[in-house]
């Protein structure tokens, strides 16, 4: 193995070691209603709650991979990748999420064409079944992954994929980052279905509430009337938000007026049930279009414009309920989230349990009916950080670092390796953590042929002792179950240089540490790094040539490749590595504000792909003998 960055080359790794690139369906495909595709949860959220995305964009167009996949595959071949990890859109195969409601032949044809193009280019397909896009029909019918019914429907979708594509796809991933889907959707209210609330919402969101009211007042002047309150000093919005935020029991006319202002601002901002802006979906008659989609697009491209179909009566349910102005600030004691539906002390554990069971049942179907003949492998991808003890001389901080890993990685990996959740979770969560029945435990245990690991960054873990507890720390909430605090600096020094995302610090040693940890804790399973990469902030003031110079990303890759080489030298059974991402794309609630791609996508002009400096580095690395 290579002993320094300058010696890194493809031949330093085993000839069968996979070097690939990764994307996901909603982030790159676009064509949101093409070929009979049904609505998914991201279609719904970005349409009805546009401010849930920082730039109010969506994946309706994304980078148009659906129409440009042949050109994109050619770029992968040119770089020298030997695998491409993509996800299959559940609602593109089963528009309503269920087999009984019908299969989209056009959807199956798209993935057949993509897979065939990859194989023709000498690129191994690696397919993810679930990358956070739940068919909206299942959300509406029973709450998606909150209900055990989804296990059956996920298995229907999975088996269709095994049947249709398994003769050519030899690497299957059931779920991508179930932790992120669960926490961002049911605890932190960032992803659909926008449930839960962060524990410290009250101390951190008053400014964001004020900004929302200002934006709505500007956008809807005819609907929003700012009350004249005492002591407003000319800024009625600031005074009203402060009053609503801090005086939930204030029944004075001024207090009620303040709460009504905030409620109306959120209603105007989030509810799309007016005559001119009713939520729509593909009609039952196919792809006929009559209402233009005016949601922000990442590009001014002259490609076929994305339109939405005539409103279907069944889709009029896609409207959010209005906020009750009397209750707008009477949420839990330490929160101020409007419409904070959900229970972040219980729901995430239920959702995670159903995700694990859906994985295990799908794996059982594959192993029982397909694996012997198709000769493929199946696993699950989980995200993880590496946690260093904040104070290496304190045993409680060392234990906090391990507990942090249990609640992130162990939550999903322990069950599929051992049949149960980590003991620290059983201890801290108690009866709120579901139990696996004996037959479920047998099904879940050993249900991965390999572990997919997404690694980006690291943190310090500081134990929270009883004397450090705040009043809100007694609340039943996922974030209180962890009993540690993640820190990104120590002694005034950041843990690493920061990328374009506020959470991503560059810590290459962390990938080595987590590989060794997995080897030692789980008896050295096969591991594939299914995502690793660096975000940089989108800056449209830069020239194209300046934007393509991502030297910091090159150094990020060098440092991480060196550390996985070191891990392999130390006996870790690591067999593959995927770049995140091969292209700039729709980056979830950040929209198009950050760029992870090694290929630059011009969101201002026809989505043109251009190689960044990191592409040149990868081409050189992969072609060195």
Foldseek 3Di string as FASTA:
>chain_A
DDPALVPFFQVLDDPLFFEAFEDECLWAAACCCAQNQAAWQQNLCLQQQQVLFVVSAGSNPWLNCLPCVLVVLVLRLLLPGQAYEYEQAQRLQVVLLAVVNHGRPVSLVSVVVNLVSNVVSNHAYAYEHEELTGRVNVCVPPNALLDLVSLVSLLVSLVVCCVSPLLRHFHYAHYAALVCSLCCDFDPLSGPPRAHHHLQALVPCLVVLLVLLVVLCVVCVVQADQDDDPPCVPPSSNVLSVLQSPPLPDPDPSSLSSLVSSQSSVCSNRWQPDPLRQDAAADPVHRDFDAADPGDFLEPEPPDGRGHHDHDVVCSVSGDDGFDSSCQNVDPPNHRDTPNHHDQLFSSLSSLVSSLLSLLVSLVCCVVPPCVPSVHFYFHEHEDAQEAQLDPVDPLSVVLRVLRCQLGVQQRVVCQAPLDGDPLLCVLSPPSRDDQDPVSSVSRHVSGQEYAYAYFYHWYKAAADPVNDDPSLVDSHPVNSSRIDTHQDHPPGGPACAAQDPVGHQDLLRVLVVLVVCCVPRVQHEYAHAEYFTKHFDDPVDDPLVVLAPVVRLVSVSSNVSSVSVSVVVPRNYRYYYYPHQEFTQPRSNGNGMGGHQWYFNSYYNRDTDGGVNSVVSSRNHPDD
